[in-house]
Structures are given as structure tokens and as C-alpha cells.
Amino acid sequence: MAKILINGALFNLGWLACVVLRNHWSLLAVLAVIAIYLYMEESHLRARGAIVVAVAVLVGFAVDNAMLSEGLLIPVGTDAGDLAPFWMTALWAILSTTFNIAFKPLQNKLVLAGVMGAISAPLTYLGAVRLGAAEFGVPAEFALAGLGVVWLLVFPAGLLFTRRLMSRASPGV
């Protein structure tokens, strides 16, 4: 239980660092969260845990850029041009650190995970907007509904990918 609480707390601290700081310090916080996650993961699963993080970063970068191009979300004070800033993509990395620890019980409850993603993710985006990290490019209710649909699919997909990847690992590999 302590491992789950630590993992959840680290995710929240990393999220806060990314959304509030949005600079090199947030990147250091994210790297610390990932390092601690990999340390906490069972030794034979660490390499696969790193793969989960890498895939989440790639998928997250694509999803964030799709949301940016559709005007759902506009990061504030970024110099990344038309691309999602690093702190947004870093959020995907730290979220992925919860897939096999804090959210592991949801790996076999994908419908529930989808509902949770559809409700909780838009609220976290709303939190980021209220903290000044981003703005909605469309009316808030449309942005939140769009984010809900995205996360209805993305969150259970991440959990399913993690479950399948981690289940293929055996001790000693």
C-alpha cells in the first residue's frame, strides 16, 4: 500500500511541478519521478517500465499536438511554436509511471478506467487552466467534453498496453 501511495503522491508532485513551473526545474522533477518509479518497479520489469514511459511520451506528444491543432488547449507562455511544450509531454511520462503501480488494479477494469479517465482528466486540464498554464481555445464546456472523449479511450489504452507488456516479462529476464 505504501508503494501505491508514494507512486500517487509522486505523480501529483510531478504534475504540480510541470503545471506551475513549466521550466527546467519541472523537467528535473519529472526525471526524479521516473527514476523513483523505475527503482520501485520490480527489477525484471524496469526495462519494460522504461518502454511504457517512452511510448506514453510519444503517444502523449501526438495527442497533445492534435488537441493544440484543434484549438482545444493552448499552452500559455510557450516558445515551442506550434508544438506542445515539453512540460505538457512530460505529464504523459509521469502519468505512465502510475499505470503499473497506483492504477494497476484498473488494468483489468478497462470500462471503469475509461469512465475515470473521461471524468478526472478534464478536471486536471481545468486545474492547469486555472493555474495559468494553458487556456481553452474553444468554450470550456466543449473543450472539457472533447478532453473527456479523448481520455475515455487513452487512459484504458495505456493501462491495457502496460498490462500486456508487463505480463510478458518473467523474473530473470
N, C-alpha and C. Protein backbone atom coordinates (compact mmCIF):
# COMPACT_ATOMS: atom_id res chain seq x y z
N MET A 1 0.82 -1.19 0.00
CA MET A 1 0.00 0.00 0.00
C MET A 1 0.87 1.26 0.00
N ALA A 2 1.99 1.22 0.72
CA ALA A 2 2.88 2.38 0.77
C ALA A 2 3.41 2.71 -0.63
N LYS A 3 3.71 1.67 -1.40
CA LYS A 3 4.22 1.86 -2.76
C LYS A 3 3.19 2.60 -3.62
N ILE A 4 1.93 2.24 -3.47
CA ILE A 4 0.85 2.89 -4.23
C ILE A 4 0.73 4.35 -3.82
N LEU A 5 0.76 4.62 -2.54
CA LEU A 5 0.64 5.99 -2.05
C LEU A 5 1.82 6.85 -2.49
N ILE A 6 3.01 6.29 -2.42
CA ILE A 6 4.21 7.03 -2.85
C ILE A 6 4.12 7.33 -4.34
N ASN A 7 3.72 6.32 -5.12
CA ASN A 7 3.60 6.49 -6.56
C ASN A 7 2.57 7.57 -6.90
N GLY A 8 1.43 7.53 -6.25
CA GLY A 8 0.40 8.54 -6.48
C GLY A 8 0.84 9.93 -6.06
N ALA A 9 1.52 10.01 -4.92
CA ALA A 9 2.00 11.31 -4.44
C ALA A 9 3.06 11.88 -5.39
N LEU A 10 3.95 11.03 -5.87
CA LEU A 10 4.99 11.49 -6.79
C LEU A 10 4.37 11.98 -8.10
N PHE A 11 3.35 11.27 -8.59
CA PHE A 11 2.66 11.74 -9.79
C PHE A 11 2.10 13.14 -9.56
N ASN A 12 1.42 13.33 -8.44
CA ASN A 12 0.81 14.63 -8.16
C ASN A 12 1.84 15.74 -8.00
N LEU A 13 2.94 15.43 -7.34
CA LEU A 13 4.01 16.43 -7.20
C LEU A 13 4.62 16.76 -8.56
N GLY A 14 4.82 15.75 -9.38
CA GLY A 14 5.36 15.97 -10.72
C GLY A 14 4.40 16.79 -11.57
N TRP A 15 3.10 16.49 -11.47
CA TRP A 15 2.09 17.25 -12.21
C TRP A 15 2.15 18.72 -11.80
N LEU A 16 2.18 18.94 -10.49
CA LEU A 16 2.22 20.31 -9.98
C LEU A 16 3.48 21.04 -10.45
N ALA A 17 4.62 20.36 -10.41
CA ALA A 17 5.87 20.98 -10.86
C ALA A 17 5.78 21.37 -12.34
N CYS A 18 5.22 20.48 -13.16
CA CYS A 18 5.11 20.78 -14.59
C CYS A 18 4.17 21.94 -14.85
N VAL A 19 3.02 21.93 -14.20
CA VAL A 19 1.98 22.93 -14.48
C VAL A 19 2.33 24.30 -13.90
N VAL A 20 2.95 24.31 -12.74
CA VAL A 20 3.26 25.59 -12.10
C VAL A 20 4.58 26.16 -12.60
N LEU A 21 5.61 25.34 -12.68
CA LEU A 21 6.93 25.85 -13.03
C LEU A 21 7.14 25.99 -14.54
N ARG A 22 6.81 24.96 -15.28
CA ARG A 22 6.95 24.96 -16.74
C ARG A 22 8.35 25.38 -17.21
N ASN A 23 9.38 24.87 -16.53
CA ASN A 23 10.75 25.21 -16.89
C ASN A 23 11.67 24.02 -16.61
N HIS A 24 12.98 24.27 -16.59
CA HIS A 24 13.93 23.18 -16.38
C HIS A 24 13.76 22.50 -15.03
N TRP A 25 13.26 23.21 -14.04
CA TRP A 25 13.03 22.59 -12.73
C TRP A 25 11.93 21.54 -12.82
N SER A 26 10.92 21.80 -13.63
CA SER A 26 9.87 20.80 -13.80
C SER A 26 10.42 19.56 -14.51
N LEU A 27 11.33 19.77 -15.44
CA LEU A 27 11.95 18.64 -16.11
C LEU A 27 12.75 17.80 -15.11
N LEU A 28 13.45 18.44 -14.21
CA LEU A 28 14.19 17.70 -13.17
C LEU A 28 13.24 16.93 -12.27
N ALA A 29 12.10 17.53 -11.94
CA ALA A 29 11.10 16.83 -11.12
C ALA A 29 10.59 15.59 -11.84
N VAL A 30 10.32 15.72 -13.14
CA VAL A 30 9.82 14.60 -13.93
C VAL A 30 10.87 13.49 -13.99
N LEU A 31 12.11 13.85 -14.21
CA LEU A 31 13.18 12.84 -14.25
C LEU A 31 13.30 12.13 -12.90
N ALA A 32 13.12 12.87 -11.81
CA ALA A 32 13.16 12.25 -10.48
C ALA A 32 11.99 11.28 -10.30
N VAL A 33 10.80 11.68 -10.73
CA VAL A 33 9.63 10.79 -10.62
C VAL A 33 9.87 9.51 -11.41
N ILE A 34 10.39 9.64 -12.62
CA ILE A 34 10.65 8.47 -13.45
C ILE A 34 11.71 7.57 -12.81
N ALA A 35 12.77 8.18 -12.30
CA ALA A 35 13.84 7.39 -11.67
C ALA A 35 13.31 6.64 -10.45
N ILE A 36 12.52 7.30 -9.64
CA ILE A 36 11.96 6.64 -8.44
C ILE A 36 11.01 5.53 -8.86
N TYR A 37 10.20 5.80 -9.88
CA TYR A 37 9.29 4.75 -10.39
C TYR A 37 10.08 3.53 -10.83
N LEU A 38 11.12 3.73 -11.61
CA LEU A 38 11.90 2.59 -12.10
C LEU A 38 12.57 1.86 -10.95
N TYR A 39 12.98 2.58 -9.93
CA TYR A 39 13.56 1.94 -8.74
C TYR A 39 12.50 1.12 -8.00
N MET A 40 11.28 1.65 -7.92
CA MET A 40 10.20 0.97 -7.21
C MET A 40 9.68 -0.25 -7.96
N GLU A 41 9.80 -0.23 -9.28
CA GLU A 41 9.31 -1.34 -10.09
C GLU A 41 10.18 -2.57 -9.82
N GLU A 42 9.59 -3.74 -9.94
CA GLU A 42 10.36 -4.97 -9.76
C GLU A 42 11.51 -4.99 -10.77
N SER A 43 12.66 -5.52 -10.36
CA SER A 43 13.86 -5.42 -11.19
C SER A 43 13.68 -6.00 -12.58
N HIS A 44 12.95 -7.10 -12.71
CA HIS A 44 12.77 -7.70 -14.04
C HIS A 44 11.77 -6.93 -14.91
N LEU A 45 11.12 -5.90 -14.32
CA LEU A 45 10.15 -5.10 -15.08
C LEU A 45 10.66 -3.70 -15.41
N ARG A 46 11.84 -3.36 -14.92
CA ARG A 46 12.33 -1.98 -15.10
C ARG A 46 12.49 -1.58 -16.56
N ALA A 47 13.07 -2.43 -17.37
CA ALA A 47 13.25 -2.09 -18.79
C ALA A 47 11.90 -1.91 -19.47
N ARG A 48 10.96 -2.75 -19.11
CA ARG A 48 9.62 -2.62 -19.69
C ARG A 48 8.91 -1.38 -19.16
N GLY A 49 9.19 -1.03 -17.92
CA GLY A 49 8.65 0.21 -17.37
C GLY A 49 9.17 1.42 -18.14
N ALA A 50 10.43 1.37 -18.51
CA ALA A 50 11.01 2.45 -19.31
C ALA A 50 10.36 2.51 -20.70
N ILE A 51 10.01 1.35 -21.25
CA ILE A 51 9.32 1.32 -22.54
C ILE A 51 7.94 1.96 -22.41
N VAL A 52 7.24 1.65 -21.32
CA VAL A 52 5.92 2.26 -21.09
C VAL A 52 6.04 3.78 -21.06
N VAL A 53 7.04 4.28 -20.35
CA VAL A 53 7.25 5.74 -20.28
C VAL A 53 7.53 6.30 -21.67
N ALA A 54 8.40 5.66 -22.42
CA ALA A 54 8.76 6.15 -23.75
C ALA A 54 7.55 6.15 -24.69
N VAL A 55 6.77 5.09 -24.66
CA VAL A 55 5.58 5.03 -25.52
C VAL A 55 4.58 6.10 -25.10
N ALA A 56 4.41 6.29 -23.81
CA ALA A 56 3.49 7.33 -23.32
C ALA A 56 3.92 8.72 -23.80
N VAL A 57 5.21 8.97 -23.79
CA VAL A 57 5.71 10.26 -24.27
C VAL A 57 5.38 10.45 -25.75
N LEU A 58 5.61 9.41 -26.54
CA LEU A 58 5.32 9.51 -27.98
C LEU A 58 3.82 9.69 -28.25
N VAL A 59 3.02 8.87 -27.60
CA VAL A 59 1.56 8.97 -27.78
C VAL A 59 1.08 10.32 -27.25
N GLY A 60 1.57 10.71 -26.09
CA GLY A 60 1.15 11.97 -25.50
C GLY A 60 1.51 13.17 -26.35
N PHE A 61 2.69 13.14 -26.94
CA PHE A 61 3.11 14.22 -27.81
C PHE A 61 2.15 14.33 -29.00
N ALA A 62 1.78 13.19 -29.56
CA ALA A 62 0.84 13.19 -30.70
C ALA A 62 -0.54 13.68 -30.27
N VAL A 63 -1.02 13.19 -29.14
CA VAL A 63 -2.35 13.60 -28.67
C VAL A 63 -2.36 15.09 -28.32
N ASP A 64 -1.34 15.54 -27.60
CA ASP A 64 -1.28 16.96 -27.25
C ASP A 64 -1.26 17.84 -28.49
N ASN A 65 -0.48 17.45 -29.48
CA ASN A 65 -0.39 18.26 -30.69
C ASN A 65 -1.70 18.23 -31.48
N ALA A 66 -2.41 17.11 -31.44
CA ALA A 66 -3.73 17.07 -32.08
C ALA A 66 -4.70 18.01 -31.36
N MET A 67 -4.65 18.00 -30.03
CA MET A 67 -5.52 18.91 -29.26
C MET A 67 -5.15 20.37 -29.52
N LEU A 68 -3.87 20.64 -29.62
CA LEU A 68 -3.43 22.01 -29.91
C LEU A 68 -3.89 22.44 -31.31
N SER A 69 -3.74 21.56 -32.26
CA SER A 69 -4.12 21.93 -33.63
C SER A 69 -5.62 22.13 -33.77
N GLU A 70 -6.40 21.45 -32.93
CA GLU A 70 -7.86 21.61 -32.95
C GLU A 70 -8.31 22.77 -32.06
N GLY A 71 -7.38 23.38 -31.36
CA GLY A 71 -7.70 24.53 -30.52
C GLY A 71 -8.36 24.20 -29.20
N LEU A 72 -8.35 22.93 -28.81
CA LEU A 72 -8.93 22.58 -27.51
C LEU A 72 -8.15 23.22 -26.37
N LEU A 73 -6.85 23.21 -26.51
CA LEU A 73 -5.98 23.68 -25.44
C LEU A 73 -4.87 24.52 -26.04
N ILE A 74 -4.56 25.61 -25.37
CA ILE A 74 -3.49 26.50 -25.82
C ILE A 74 -2.56 26.74 -24.63
N PRO A 75 -1.32 26.24 -24.69
CA PRO A 75 -0.39 26.49 -23.59
C PRO A 75 -0.04 27.97 -23.51
N VAL A 76 0.13 28.46 -22.30
CA VAL A 76 0.42 29.87 -22.07
C VAL A 76 1.93 30.05 -21.95
N GLY A 77 2.43 31.11 -22.59
CA GLY A 77 3.84 31.48 -22.43
C GLY A 77 4.82 30.46 -22.92
N THR A 78 4.53 29.82 -24.02
CA THR A 78 5.45 28.82 -24.54
C THR A 78 6.18 29.36 -25.77
N ASP A 79 7.35 28.86 -25.99
CA ASP A 79 8.11 29.26 -27.17
C ASP A 79 8.32 28.06 -28.10
N ALA A 80 7.44 27.06 -27.97
CA ALA A 80 7.59 25.85 -28.77
C ALA A 80 6.96 25.98 -30.16
N GLY A 81 6.48 27.16 -30.50
CA GLY A 81 5.85 27.34 -31.80
C GLY A 81 4.51 26.63 -31.83
N ASP A 82 4.32 25.80 -32.84
CA ASP A 82 3.06 25.09 -32.99
C ASP A 82 3.06 23.74 -32.29
N LEU A 83 4.14 23.38 -31.65
CA LEU A 83 4.25 22.08 -30.99
C LEU A 83 3.96 22.19 -29.49
N ALA A 84 3.52 21.09 -28.93
CA ALA A 84 3.27 21.04 -27.49
C ALA A 84 4.58 21.29 -26.75
N PRO A 85 4.56 22.11 -25.70
CA PRO A 85 5.78 22.34 -24.93
C PRO A 85 6.18 21.09 -24.15
N PHE A 86 7.46 21.04 -23.79
CA PHE A 86 7.97 19.84 -23.12
C PHE A 86 7.21 19.52 -21.84
N TRP A 87 6.78 20.53 -21.09
CA TRP A 87 6.12 20.24 -19.81
C TRP A 87 4.80 19.52 -20.01
N MET A 88 4.12 19.76 -21.13
CA MET A 88 2.87 19.04 -21.40
C MET A 88 3.15 17.58 -21.71
N THR A 89 4.15 17.34 -22.53
CA THR A 89 4.51 15.96 -22.87
C THR A 89 5.06 15.23 -21.65
N ALA A 90 5.76 15.95 -20.80
CA ALA A 90 6.31 15.35 -19.59
C ALA A 90 5.21 14.82 -18.68
N LEU A 91 4.04 15.45 -18.73
CA LEU A 91 2.91 14.97 -17.92
C LEU A 91 2.53 13.54 -18.30
N TRP A 92 2.65 13.22 -19.57
CA TRP A 92 2.35 11.86 -20.01
C TRP A 92 3.36 10.86 -19.43
N ALA A 93 4.61 11.29 -19.37
CA ALA A 93 5.64 10.41 -18.81
C ALA A 93 5.34 10.08 -17.35
N ILE A 94 5.00 11.11 -16.58
CA ILE A 94 4.75 10.83 -15.16
C ILE A 94 3.44 10.08 -14.96
N LEU A 95 2.45 10.34 -15.80
CA LEU A 95 1.21 9.56 -15.69
C LEU A 95 1.50 8.09 -15.94
N SER A 96 2.33 7.80 -16.92
CA SER A 96 2.63 6.40 -17.24
C SER A 96 3.31 5.67 -16.09
N THR A 97 3.95 6.41 -15.20
CA THR A 97 4.59 5.75 -14.04
C THR A 97 3.55 5.21 -13.07
N THR A 98 2.30 5.59 -13.22
CA THR A 98 1.24 5.09 -12.34
C THR A 98 0.53 3.87 -12.91
N PHE A 99 0.74 3.56 -14.18
CA PHE A 99 -0.02 2.50 -14.84
C PHE A 99 0.21 1.12 -14.23
N ASN A 100 1.40 0.86 -13.72
CA ASN A 100 1.68 -0.47 -13.18
C ASN A 100 1.82 -0.47 -11.66
N ILE A 101 1.55 0.68 -11.04
CA ILE A 101 1.60 0.73 -9.58
C ILE A 101 0.26 1.25 -9.05
N ALA A 102 0.07 2.56 -9.02
CA ALA A 102 -1.14 3.13 -8.43
C ALA A 102 -2.41 2.70 -9.17
N PHE A 103 -2.34 2.62 -10.49
CA PHE A 103 -3.53 2.27 -11.27
C PHE A 103 -3.54 0.82 -11.74
N LYS A 104 -2.64 0.01 -11.22
CA LYS A 104 -2.59 -1.40 -11.64
C LYS A 104 -3.93 -2.11 -11.47
N PRO A 105 -4.68 -1.86 -10.38
CA PRO A 105 -5.98 -2.54 -10.25
C PRO A 105 -6.95 -2.23 -11.40
N LEU A 106 -6.75 -1.14 -12.09
CA LEU A 106 -7.62 -0.80 -13.21
C LEU A 106 -7.23 -1.48 -14.51
N GLN A 107 -6.09 -2.16 -14.54
CA GLN A 107 -5.66 -2.83 -15.76
C GLN A 107 -6.65 -3.89 -16.22
N ASN A 108 -7.43 -4.44 -15.31
CA ASN A 108 -8.43 -5.44 -15.64
C ASN A 108 -9.85 -4.89 -15.55
N LYS A 109 -9.97 -3.59 -15.41
CA LYS A 109 -11.28 -2.94 -15.32
C LYS A 109 -11.28 -1.75 -16.28
N LEU A 110 -11.17 -2.06 -17.55
CA LEU A 110 -10.94 -1.02 -18.55
C LEU A 110 -12.14 -0.10 -18.76
N VAL A 111 -13.35 -0.61 -18.59
CA VAL A 111 -14.52 0.26 -18.72
C VAL A 111 -14.51 1.29 -17.59
N LEU A 112 -14.26 0.82 -16.38
CA LEU A 112 -14.15 1.73 -15.24
C LEU A 112 -13.02 2.73 -15.46
N ALA A 113 -11.90 2.26 -15.97
CA ALA A 113 -10.77 3.14 -16.26
C ALA A 113 -11.16 4.20 -17.28
N GLY A 114 -11.91 3.82 -18.30
CA GLY A 114 -12.36 4.78 -19.29
C GLY A 114 -13.25 5.85 -18.68
N VAL A 115 -14.18 5.43 -17.83
CA VAL A 115 -15.06 6.38 -17.17
C VAL A 115 -14.26 7.31 -16.27
N MET A 116 -13.32 6.73 -15.52
CA MET A 116 -12.48 7.55 -14.65
C MET A 116 -11.64 8.54 -15.46
N GLY A 117 -11.09 8.08 -16.57
CA GLY A 117 -10.31 8.97 -17.43
C GLY A 117 -11.16 10.09 -18.00
N ALA A 118 -12.38 9.74 -18.43
CA ALA A 118 -13.28 10.73 -19.04
C ALA A 118 -13.71 11.80 -18.04
N ILE A 119 -13.73 11.46 -16.77
CA ILE A 119 -14.14 12.42 -15.74
C ILE A 119 -12.94 13.15 -15.15
N SER A 120 -11.92 12.40 -14.75
CA SER A 120 -10.82 13.02 -14.00
C SER A 120 -9.85 13.80 -14.88
N ALA A 121 -9.56 13.32 -16.08
CA ALA A 121 -8.59 14.03 -16.93
C ALA A 121 -9.06 15.44 -17.28
N PRO A 122 -10.30 15.63 -17.72
CA PRO A 122 -10.72 17.00 -17.99
C PRO A 122 -10.60 17.92 -16.77
N LEU A 123 -10.83 17.36 -15.60
CA LEU A 123 -10.69 18.16 -14.38
C LEU A 123 -9.24 18.57 -14.15
N THR A 124 -8.29 17.69 -14.50
CA THR A 124 -6.89 18.07 -14.34
C THR A 124 -6.50 19.15 -15.35
N TYR A 125 -7.05 19.06 -16.56
CA TYR A 125 -6.80 20.12 -17.54
C TYR A 125 -7.41 21.43 -17.06
N LEU A 126 -8.60 21.36 -16.49
CA LEU A 126 -9.23 22.55 -15.94
C LEU A 126 -8.36 23.14 -14.83
N GLY A 127 -7.78 22.28 -14.01
CA GLY A 127 -6.86 22.74 -12.97
C GLY A 127 -5.66 23.46 -13.56
N ALA A 128 -5.11 22.91 -14.64
CA ALA A 128 -3.97 23.55 -15.30
C ALA A 128 -4.36 24.91 -15.87
N VAL A 129 -5.57 24.99 -16.41
CA VAL A 129 -6.05 26.27 -16.93
C VAL A 129 -6.20 27.27 -15.79
N ARG A 130 -6.75 26.83 -14.70
CA ARG A 130 -6.95 27.74 -13.56
C ARG A 130 -5.64 28.16 -12.92
N LEU A 131 -4.61 27.34 -13.06
CA LEU A 131 -3.28 27.70 -12.55
C LEU A 131 -2.50 28.54 -13.56
N GLY A 132 -3.09 28.84 -14.70
CA GLY A 132 -2.47 29.73 -15.67
C GLY A 132 -1.52 29.08 -16.64
N ALA A 133 -1.49 27.75 -16.70
CA ALA A 133 -0.56 27.06 -17.60
C ALA A 133 -1.08 26.98 -19.03
N ALA A 134 -2.39 27.07 -19.18
CA ALA A 134 -3.00 26.92 -20.50
C ALA A 134 -4.33 27.65 -20.52
N GLU A 135 -4.86 27.73 -21.72
CA GLU A 135 -6.20 28.30 -21.93
C GLU A 135 -6.96 27.35 -22.84
N PHE A 136 -8.27 27.39 -22.74
CA PHE A 136 -9.08 26.65 -23.69
C PHE A 136 -9.26 27.53 -24.92
N GLY A 137 -9.09 26.94 -26.09
CA GLY A 137 -9.24 27.68 -27.34
C GLY A 137 -10.66 27.68 -27.86
N VAL A 138 -11.52 26.93 -27.21
CA VAL A 138 -12.95 26.86 -27.53
C VAL A 138 -13.68 27.03 -26.20
N PRO A 139 -14.99 27.23 -26.22
CA PRO A 139 -15.70 27.33 -24.94
C PRO A 139 -15.37 26.14 -24.04
N ALA A 140 -15.22 26.43 -22.75
CA ALA A 140 -14.76 25.43 -21.78
C ALA A 140 -15.57 24.14 -21.84
N GLU A 141 -16.88 24.24 -21.97
CA GLU A 141 -17.70 23.01 -21.97
C GLU A 141 -17.37 22.13 -23.18
N PHE A 142 -17.06 22.73 -24.33
CA PHE A 142 -16.67 21.94 -25.50
C PHE A 142 -15.28 21.33 -25.30
N ALA A 143 -14.38 22.12 -24.77
CA ALA A 143 -13.03 21.62 -24.53
C ALA A 143 -13.06 20.46 -23.54
N LEU A 144 -13.80 20.62 -22.45
CA LEU A 144 -13.87 19.57 -21.44
C LEU A 144 -14.53 18.30 -21.99
N ALA A 145 -15.57 18.48 -22.80
CA ALA A 145 -16.21 17.31 -23.42
C ALA A 145 -15.25 16.61 -24.37
N GLY A 146 -14.54 17.37 -25.18
CA GLY A 146 -13.56 16.78 -26.10
C GLY A 146 -12.46 16.04 -25.36
N LEU A 147 -11.97 16.66 -24.30
CA LEU A 147 -10.94 16.01 -23.48
C LEU A 147 -11.48 14.73 -22.85
N GLY A 148 -12.73 14.77 -22.43
CA GLY A 148 -13.35 13.58 -21.85
C GLY A 148 -13.39 12.42 -22.83
N VAL A 149 -13.73 12.71 -24.07
CA VAL A 149 -13.77 11.66 -25.10
C VAL A 149 -12.37 11.11 -25.34
N VAL A 150 -11.40 11.99 -25.45
CA VAL A 150 -10.01 11.55 -25.66
C VAL A 150 -9.59 10.61 -24.54
N TRP A 151 -9.83 11.01 -23.30
CA TRP A 151 -9.36 10.23 -22.16
C TRP A 151 -10.22 9.00 -21.87
N LEU A 152 -11.42 8.98 -22.39
CA LEU A 152 -12.25 7.77 -22.31
C LEU A 152 -11.53 6.63 -23.03
N LEU A 153 -10.79 6.98 -24.06
CA LEU A 153 -10.06 5.99 -24.86
C LEU A 153 -8.60 5.84 -24.46
N VAL A 154 -7.93 6.96 -24.21
CA VAL A 154 -6.49 6.94 -24.00
C VAL A 154 -6.11 6.28 -22.67
N PHE A 155 -6.82 6.57 -21.61
CA PHE A 155 -6.43 6.03 -20.30
C PHE A 155 -6.53 4.50 -20.26
N PRO A 156 -7.65 3.91 -20.66
CA PRO A 156 -7.67 2.44 -20.66
C PRO A 156 -6.69 1.83 -21.66
N ALA A 157 -6.45 2.52 -22.77
CA ALA A 157 -5.47 2.01 -23.74
C ALA A 157 -4.08 1.94 -23.12
N GLY A 158 -3.71 2.97 -22.35
CA GLY A 158 -2.41 2.95 -21.67
C GLY A 158 -2.31 1.84 -20.65
N LEU A 159 -3.38 1.62 -19.93
CA LEU A 159 -3.39 0.54 -18.93
C LEU A 159 -3.32 -0.84 -19.60
N LEU A 160 -4.06 -1.00 -20.69
CA LEU A 160 -4.04 -2.27 -21.42
C LEU A 160 -2.65 -2.54 -22.00
N PHE A 161 -2.05 -1.53 -22.62
CA PHE A 161 -0.70 -1.68 -23.16
C PHE A 161 0.27 -2.09 -22.05
N THR A 162 0.18 -1.41 -20.92
CA THR A 162 1.07 -1.71 -19.79
C THR A 162 0.86 -3.13 -19.30
N ARG A 163 -0.38 -3.53 -19.12
CA ARG A 163 -0.67 -4.89 -18.64
C ARG A 163 -0.08 -5.92 -19.59
N ARG A 164 -0.29 -5.74 -20.87
CA ARG A 164 0.20 -6.73 -21.83
C ARG A 164 1.72 -6.76 -21.89
N LEU A 165 2.34 -5.58 -21.86
CA LEU A 165 3.80 -5.53 -21.90
C LEU A 165 4.41 -6.14 -20.63
N MET A 166 3.87 -5.78 -19.51
CA MET A 166 4.43 -6.26 -18.24
C MET A 166 4.17 -7.75 -18.02
N SER A 167 3.07 -8.26 -18.53
CA SER A 167 2.76 -9.67 -18.32
C SER A 167 3.67 -10.59 -19.13
N ARG A 168 4.32 -10.02 -20.15
CA ARG A 168 5.25 -10.82 -20.96
C ARG A 168 6.62 -10.95 -20.32
N ALA A 169 6.85 -10.17 -19.29
CA ALA A 169 8.15 -10.22 -18.61
C ALA A 169 8.11 -11.31 -17.55
N SER A 170 9.17 -12.02 -17.45
CA SER A 170 9.26 -13.01 -16.38
C SER A 170 10.51 -12.73 -15.57
N PRO A 171 10.51 -13.10 -14.30
CA PRO A 171 11.70 -12.84 -13.47
C PRO A 171 12.94 -13.44 -14.11
N GLY A 172 14.01 -12.67 -14.02
CA GLY A 172 15.28 -13.14 -14.57
C GLY A 172 15.51 -12.72 -16.01
N VAL A 173 14.54 -12.04 -16.60
CA VAL A 173 14.68 -11.61 -18.00
C VAL A 173 15.24 -10.21 -18.05
